[in-house]
């Protein structure tokens, strides 16, 4: 084997072992304990947000499941013109929380967290806690109400206040799925060492 080929193979081998950020979803997303066991930093992030903003871990997890399936760099699908020409994404939603550019910038201004990133679990959960605490204060939604918070999260607080979600049967169905998943995650977390 030539020297240059050997050097190239070594470089490729080292690069494949790289320490880049893990953007893939954990396995077994139906089990909250499995998620936390696979991603040690998640539990710390969820607990920190629960302490700071009062949003329970299971509500955070159910919302992130629905928004991004725990994929750090999740984006909305591309839109196409004439079926083949990409013309941009459906929205600017990005990351674990699928926060829109404008809402994320509002969060950064309000909290002073200018270096916060939407693909960082700690920043994404802090954003969700901030947003949901405001929804509680402005709309009266209890922090344990995963369904109500998902509707306010999806429609925005103004849309929620107007009741825009009531004309969207698909969204009402999805919000109930979020609520059901929240209950499931809550029961699982009660017996989960990784959640402590």
C-alpha atoms as a PDB file:
ATOM      1  CA  UNK A   1       0.000   0.000   0.000  1.00  0.00           C
ATOM      2  CA  UNK A   2       1.395   3.373  -0.940  1.00  0.00           C
ATOM      3  CA  UNK A   3       2.285   5.908   1.698  1.00  0.00           C
ATOM      4  CA  UNK A   4      -0.279   8.475   0.509  1.00  0.00           C
ATOM      5  CA  UNK A   5      -3.079   5.895   0.376  1.00  0.00           C
ATOM      6  CA  UNK A   6      -2.211   4.743   3.901  1.00  0.00           C
ATOM      7  CA  UNK A   7      -2.232   8.375   5.131  1.00  0.00           C
ATOM      8  CA  UNK A   8      -5.609   8.975   3.496  1.00  0.00           C
ATOM      9  CA  UNK A   9      -7.081   5.874   5.135  1.00  0.00           C
ATOM     10  CA  UNK A  10      -5.808   6.961   8.555  1.00  0.00           C
ATOM     11  CA  UNK A  11      -7.291  10.425   8.107  1.00  0.00           C
ATOM     12  CA  UNK A  12     -10.659   8.950   7.078  1.00  0.00           C
ATOM     13  CA  UNK A  13     -10.623   6.566  10.036  1.00  0.00           C
ATOM     14  CA  UNK A  14      -9.867   9.370  12.503  1.00  0.00           C
ATOM     15  CA  UNK A  15     -12.495  11.631  10.934  1.00  0.00           C
ATOM     16  CA  UNK A  16     -15.155   8.920  11.191  1.00  0.00           C
ATOM     17  CA  UNK A  17     -14.543   8.735  14.931  1.00  0.00           C
ATOM     18  CA  UNK A  18     -15.047  12.497  15.220  1.00  0.00           C
ATOM     19  CA  UNK A  19     -16.594  14.222  18.158  1.00  0.00           C
ATOM     20  CA  UNK A  20     -19.181  16.231  16.261  1.00  0.00           C
ATOM     21  CA  UNK A  21     -22.575  17.020  17.714  1.00  0.00           C
ATOM     22  CA  UNK A  22     -25.051  14.152  17.684  1.00  0.00           C
ATOM     23  CA  UNK A  23     -28.062  15.336  15.685  1.00  0.00           C
ATOM     24  CA  UNK A  24     -29.788  11.959  15.439  1.00  0.00           C
ATOM     25  CA  UNK A  25     -32.788  11.021  17.535  1.00  0.00           C
ATOM     26  CA  UNK A  26     -32.490   8.592  20.430  1.00  0.00           C
ATOM     27  CA  UNK A  27     -33.963   5.117  19.913  1.00  0.00           C
ATOM     28  CA  UNK A  28     -37.300   4.065  21.438  1.00  0.00           C
ATOM     29  CA  UNK A  29     -38.994   7.473  21.657  1.00  0.00           C
ATOM     30  CA  UNK A  30     -42.013   5.878  23.329  1.00  0.00           C
ATOM     31  CA  UNK A  31     -39.997   5.347  26.516  1.00  0.00           C
ATOM     32  CA  UNK A  32     -38.952   8.457  28.466  1.00  0.00           C
ATOM     33  CA  UNK A  33     -36.425   6.512  30.557  1.00  0.00           C
ATOM     34  CA  UNK A  34     -34.762   5.080  27.463  1.00  0.00           C
ATOM     35  CA  UNK A  35     -34.430   8.577  26.001  1.00  0.00           C
ATOM     36  CA  UNK A  36     -32.788   9.898  29.176  1.00  0.00           C
ATOM     37  CA  UNK A  37     -30.471   6.894  29.490  1.00  0.00           C
ATOM     38  CA  UNK A  38     -29.226   7.382  25.927  1.00  0.00           C
ATOM     39  CA  UNK A  39     -28.745  11.147  26.224  1.00  0.00           C
ATOM     40  CA  UNK A  40     -27.340  11.975  29.656  1.00  0.00           C
ATOM     41  CA  UNK A  41     -27.508  15.735  29.064  1.00  0.00           C
ATOM     42  CA  UNK A  42     -31.248  15.678  28.437  1.00  0.00           C
ATOM     43  CA  UNK A  43     -32.218  14.981  32.051  1.00  0.00           C
ATOM     44  CA  UNK A  44     -30.040  17.853  33.306  1.00  0.00           C
ATOM     45  CA  UNK A  45     -31.610  20.204  30.743  1.00  0.00           C
ATOM     46  CA  UNK A  46     -35.179  19.158  31.569  1.00  0.00           C
ATOM     47  CA  UNK A  47     -34.574  19.428  35.320  1.00  0.00           C
ATOM     48  CA  UNK A  48     -32.973  22.871  34.958  1.00  0.00           C
ATOM     49  CA  UNK A  49     -35.982  24.141  32.993  1.00  0.00           C
ATOM     50  CA  UNK A  50     -38.407  22.603  35.484  1.00  0.00           C
ATOM     51  CA  UNK A  51     -36.605  24.355  38.368  1.00  0.00           C
ATOM     52  CA  UNK A  52     -36.332  27.697  36.581  1.00  0.00           C
ATOM     53  CA  UNK A  53     -39.709  27.957  34.826  1.00  0.00           C
ATOM     54  CA  UNK A  54     -41.878  25.312  36.527  1.00  0.00           C
ATOM     55  CA  UNK A  55     -42.627  23.311  33.363  1.00  0.00           C
ATOM     56  CA  UNK A  56     -42.641  19.589  34.245  1.00  0.00           C
ATOM     57  CA  UNK A  57     -40.202  17.283  32.468  1.00  0.00           C
ATOM     58  CA  UNK A  58     -42.963  15.196  30.898  1.00  0.00           C
ATOM     59  CA  UNK A  59     -44.617  18.280  29.341  1.00  0.00           C
ATOM     60  CA  UNK A  60     -41.274  19.394  27.877  1.00  0.00           C
ATOM     61  CA  UNK A  61     -40.521  15.924  26.536  1.00  0.00           C
ATOM     62  CA  UNK A  62     -43.963  15.430  24.966  1.00  0.00           C
ATOM     63  CA  UNK A  63     -43.701  18.804  23.233  1.00  0.00           C
ATOM     64  CA  UNK A  64     -40.201  18.123  21.911  1.00  0.00           C
ATOM     65  CA  UNK A  65     -41.324  14.701  20.699  1.00  0.00           C
ATOM     66  CA  UNK A  66     -44.115  16.304  18.686  1.00  0.00           C
ATOM     67  CA  UNK A  67     -42.023  19.177  17.375  1.00  0.00           C
ATOM     68  CA  UNK A  68     -38.786  17.439  16.370  1.00  0.00           C
ATOM     69  CA  UNK A  69     -38.817  13.797  17.514  1.00  0.00           C
ATOM     70  CA  UNK A  70     -35.674  14.774  19.498  1.00  0.00           C
ATOM     71  CA  UNK A  71     -33.696  15.577  16.332  1.00  0.00           C
ATOM     72  CA  UNK A  72     -31.414  18.492  17.236  1.00  0.00           C
ATOM     73  CA  UNK A  73     -31.299  20.065  13.783  1.00  0.00           C
ATOM     74  CA  UNK A  74     -34.867  19.328  12.646  1.00  0.00           C
ATOM     75  CA  UNK A  75     -36.265  21.633   9.966  1.00  0.00           C
ATOM     76  CA  UNK A  76     -39.582  21.969   8.214  1.00  0.00           C
ATOM     77  CA  UNK A  77     -39.824  20.366   4.762  1.00  0.00           C
ATOM     78  CA  UNK A  78     -38.777  22.207   1.620  1.00  0.00           C
ATOM     79  CA  UNK A  79     -41.398  23.790  -0.629  1.00  0.00           C
ATOM     80  CA  UNK A  80     -41.189  23.223  -4.381  1.00  0.00           C
ATOM     81  CA  UNK A  81     -42.363  25.222  -7.362  1.00  0.00           C
ATOM     82  CA  UNK A  82     -43.561  23.174 -10.334  1.00  0.00           C
ATOM     83  CA  UNK A  83     -42.945  20.130  -8.170  1.00  0.00           C
ATOM     84  CA  UNK A  84     -39.159  20.170  -8.628  1.00  0.00           C
ATOM     85  CA  UNK A  85     -37.666  23.624  -7.973  1.00  0.00           C
ATOM     86  CA  UNK A  86     -36.896  24.162  -4.273  1.00  0.00           C
ATOM     87  CA  UNK A  87     -38.107  27.593  -3.117  1.00  0.00           C
ATOM     88  CA  UNK A  88     -37.311  27.465   0.593  1.00  0.00           C
ATOM     89  CA  UNK A  89     -38.672  25.878   3.712  1.00  0.00           C
ATOM     90  CA  UNK A  90     -42.265  25.999   4.950  1.00  0.00           C
ATOM     91  CA  UNK A  91     -41.117  28.125   7.885  1.00  0.00           C
ATOM     92  CA  UNK A  92     -37.997  29.161   9.782  1.00  0.00           C
ATOM     93  CA  UNK A  93     -38.700  26.604  12.538  1.00  0.00           C
ATOM     94  CA  UNK A  94     -35.507  24.851  13.593  1.00  0.00           C
ATOM     95  CA  UNK A  95     -34.071  22.608  16.280  1.00  0.00           C
ATOM     96  CA  UNK A  96     -35.480  20.588  19.133  1.00  0.00           C
ATOM     97  CA  UNK A  97     -38.204  23.117  19.914  1.00  0.00           C
ATOM     98  CA  UNK A  98     -38.912  24.128  16.301  1.00  0.00           C
ATOM     99  CA  UNK A  99     -38.751  27.768  17.374  1.00  0.00           C
ATOM    100  CA  UNK A 100     -39.246  30.303  14.606  1.00  0.00           C
ATOM    101  CA  UNK A 101     -36.475  32.829  13.933  1.00  0.00           C
ATOM    102  CA  UNK A 102     -38.487  35.774  15.277  1.00  0.00           C
ATOM    103  CA  UNK A 103     -39.646  33.992  18.425  1.00  0.00           C
ATOM    104  CA  UNK A 104     -36.111  32.743  19.125  1.00  0.00           C
ATOM    105  CA  UNK A 105     -34.757  36.283  18.745  1.00  0.00           C
ATOM    106  CA  UNK A 106     -37.461  37.536  21.134  1.00  0.00           C
ATOM    107  CA  UNK A 107     -36.332  34.893  23.649  1.00  0.00           C
ATOM    108  CA  UNK A 108     -32.683  35.925  23.241  1.00  0.00           C
ATOM    109  CA  UNK A 109     -33.546  39.597  23.816  1.00  0.00           C
ATOM    110  CA  UNK A 110     -35.751  38.847  26.824  1.00  0.00           C
ATOM    111  CA  UNK A 111     -33.251  36.534  28.518  1.00  0.00           C
ATOM    112  CA  UNK A 112     -29.967  38.029  27.320  1.00  0.00           C
ATOM    113  CA  UNK A 113     -28.889  34.606  26.025  1.00  0.00           C
ATOM    114  CA  UNK A 114     -27.420  35.845  22.747  1.00  0.00           C
ATOM    115  CA  UNK A 115     -25.322  32.734  22.209  1.00  0.00           C
ATOM    116  CA  UNK A 116     -28.250  30.307  22.744  1.00  0.00           C
ATOM    117  CA  UNK A 117     -28.661  27.744  19.959  1.00  0.00           C
ATOM    118  CA  UNK A 118     -31.832  25.969  18.910  1.00  0.00           C
ATOM    119  CA  UNK A 119     -29.937  22.710  18.335  1.00  0.00           C
ATOM    120  CA  UNK A 120     -28.674  22.687  21.946  1.00  0.00           C
ATOM    121  CA  UNK A 121     -31.026  20.757  24.253  1.00  0.00           C
ATOM    122  CA  UNK A 122     -30.369  23.016  27.247  1.00  0.00           C
ATOM    123  CA  UNK A 123     -31.129  26.179  25.270  1.00  0.00           C
ATOM    124  CA  UNK A 124     -34.149  24.599  23.559  1.00  0.00           C
ATOM    125  CA  UNK A 125     -35.721  23.494  26.843  1.00  0.00           C
ATOM    126  CA  UNK A 126     -35.008  26.869  28.446  1.00  0.00           C
ATOM    127  CA  UNK A 127     -36.757  28.513  25.487  1.00  0.00           C
ATOM    128  CA  UNK A 128     -39.764  26.231  25.944  1.00  0.00           C
ATOM    129  CA  UNK A 129     -39.898  26.985  29.651  1.00  0.00           C
ATOM    130  CA  UNK A 130     -39.741  30.735  28.969  1.00  0.00           C
ATOM    131  CA  UNK A 131     -42.465  30.493  26.327  1.00  0.00           C
ATOM    132  CA  UNK A 132     -44.765  28.291  28.401  1.00  0.00           C
ATOM    133  CA  UNK A 133     -44.335  30.446  31.525  1.00  0.00           C
ATOM    134  CA  UNK A 134     -45.493  33.428  29.473  1.00  0.00           C
ATOM    135  CA  UNK A 135     -48.447  31.420  28.175  1.00  0.00           C
ATOM    136  CA  UNK A 136     -49.361  30.597  31.764  1.00  0.00           C
ATOM    137  CA  UNK A 137     -49.132  34.261  32.763  1.00  0.00           C
ATOM    138  CA  UNK A 138     -50.950  35.666  29.721  1.00  0.00           C
ATOM    139  CA  UNK A 139     -53.460  32.909  28.966  1.00  0.00           C
ATOM    140  CA  UNK A 140     -53.899  31.149  32.307  1.00  0.00           C
ATOM    141  CA  UNK A 141     -52.772  27.745  30.989  1.00  0.00           C
ATOM    142  CA  UNK A 142     -51.475  25.610  33.893  1.00  0.00           C
ATOM    143  CA  UNK A 143     -47.894  24.446  33.328  1.00  0.00           C
ATOM    144  CA  UNK A 144     -49.080  20.833  33.633  1.00  0.00           C
ATOM    145  CA  UNK A 145     -51.518  21.220  30.688  1.00  0.00           C
ATOM    146  CA  UNK A 146     -49.521  19.767  27.794  1.00  0.00           C
ATOM    147  CA  UNK A 147     -52.471  20.032  25.400  1.00  0.00           C
ATOM    148  CA  UNK A 148     -53.136  23.713  26.085  1.00  0.00           C
ATOM    149  CA  UNK A 149     -49.467  24.604  25.925  1.00  0.00           C
ATOM    150  CA  UNK A 150     -49.011  22.761  22.653  1.00  0.00           C
ATOM    151  CA  UNK A 151     -51.922  24.674  21.120  1.00  0.00           C
ATOM    152  CA  UNK A 152     -50.545  28.021  22.338  1.00  0.00           C
ATOM    153  CA  UNK A 153     -47.070  26.981  21.177  1.00  0.00           C
ATOM    154  CA  UNK A 154     -48.280  26.012  17.711  1.00  0.00           C
ATOM    155  CA  UNK A 155     -50.706  28.867  17.107  1.00  0.00           C
ATOM    156  CA  UNK A 156     -48.878  31.538  19.059  1.00  0.00           C
ATOM    157  CA  UNK A 157     -50.496  33.210  22.047  1.00  0.00           C
ATOM    158  CA  UNK A 158     -52.515  35.615  19.894  1.00  0.00           C
ATOM    159  CA  UNK A 159     -53.868  32.757  17.768  1.00  0.00           C
ATOM    160  CA  UNK A 160     -54.673  30.743  20.875  1.00  0.00           C
ATOM    161  CA  UNK A 161     -56.479  33.716  22.423  1.00  0.00           C
ATOM    162  CA  UNK A 162     -58.555  34.084  19.228  1.00  0.00           C
ATOM    163  CA  UNK A 163     -59.297  30.349  19.225  1.00  0.00           C
ATOM    164  CA  UNK A 164     -57.755  29.731  15.789  1.00  0.00           C
ATOM    165  CA  UNK A 165     -57.020  26.142  16.817  1.00  0.00           C
ATOM    166  CA  UNK A 166     -60.729  25.338  17.152  1.00  0.00           C
ATOM    167  CA  UNK A 167     -61.192  25.304  13.355  1.00  0.00           C
ATOM    168  CA  UNK A 168     -58.291  22.874  12.838  1.00  0.00           C
ATOM    169  CA  UNK A 169     -59.432  19.359  13.620  1.00  0.00           C
ATOM    170  CA  UNK A 170     -55.993  17.932  12.777  1.00  0.00           C
ATOM    171  CA  UNK A 171     -54.344  20.257  15.307  1.00  0.00           C
ATOM    172  CA  UNK A 172     -56.856  19.365  18.013  1.00  0.00           C
ATOM    173  CA  UNK A 173     -56.094  15.685  17.363  1.00  0.00           C
ATOM    174  CA  UNK A 174     -52.315  16.298  17.510  1.00  0.00           C
ATOM    175  CA  UNK A 175     -52.634  18.345  20.712  1.00  0.00           C
ATOM    176  CA  UNK A 176     -54.500  15.436  22.320  1.00  0.00           C
ATOM    177  CA  UNK A 177     -51.690  13.107  21.233  1.00  0.00           C
ATOM    178  CA  UNK A 178     -49.226  15.454  22.962  1.00  0.00           C
ATOM    179  CA  UNK A 179     -51.357  15.336  26.117  1.00  0.00           C
ATOM    180  CA  UNK A 180     -51.535  11.528  25.991  1.00  0.00           C
ATOM    181  CA  UNK A 181     -47.778  11.224  25.473  1.00  0.00           C
ATOM    182  CA  UNK A 182     -47.215  13.609  28.380  1.00  0.00           C
ATOM    183  CA  UNK A 183     -49.244  11.332  30.672  1.00  0.00           C
ATOM    184  CA  UNK A 184     -47.315   8.282  29.435  1.00  0.00           C
ATOM    185  CA  UNK A 185     -43.952  10.002  29.947  1.00  0.00           C
ATOM    186  CA  UNK A 186     -45.013  11.175  33.420  1.00  0.00           C
ATOM    187  CA  UNK A 187     -45.817   7.619  34.489  1.00  0.00           C
ATOM    188  CA  UNK A 188     -42.534   6.321  33.065  1.00  0.00           C
ATOM    189  CA  UNK A 189     -40.455   9.087  34.673  1.00  0.00           C
ATOM    190  CA  UNK A 190     -41.914   8.278  38.102  1.00  0.00           C
ATOM    191  CA  UNK A 191     -39.996   4.977  38.041  1.00  0.00           C
ATOM    192  CA  UNK A 192     -36.935   6.151  36.146  1.00  0.00           C
ATOM    193  CA  UNK A 193     -33.515   6.485  37.781  1.00  0.00           C
ATOM    194  CA  UNK A 194     -32.228   8.592  34.879  1.00  0.00           C
ATOM    195  CA  UNK A 195     -34.855  11.261  35.626  1.00  0.00           C
ATOM    196  CA  UNK A 196     -33.561  11.891  39.162  1.00  0.00           C
END
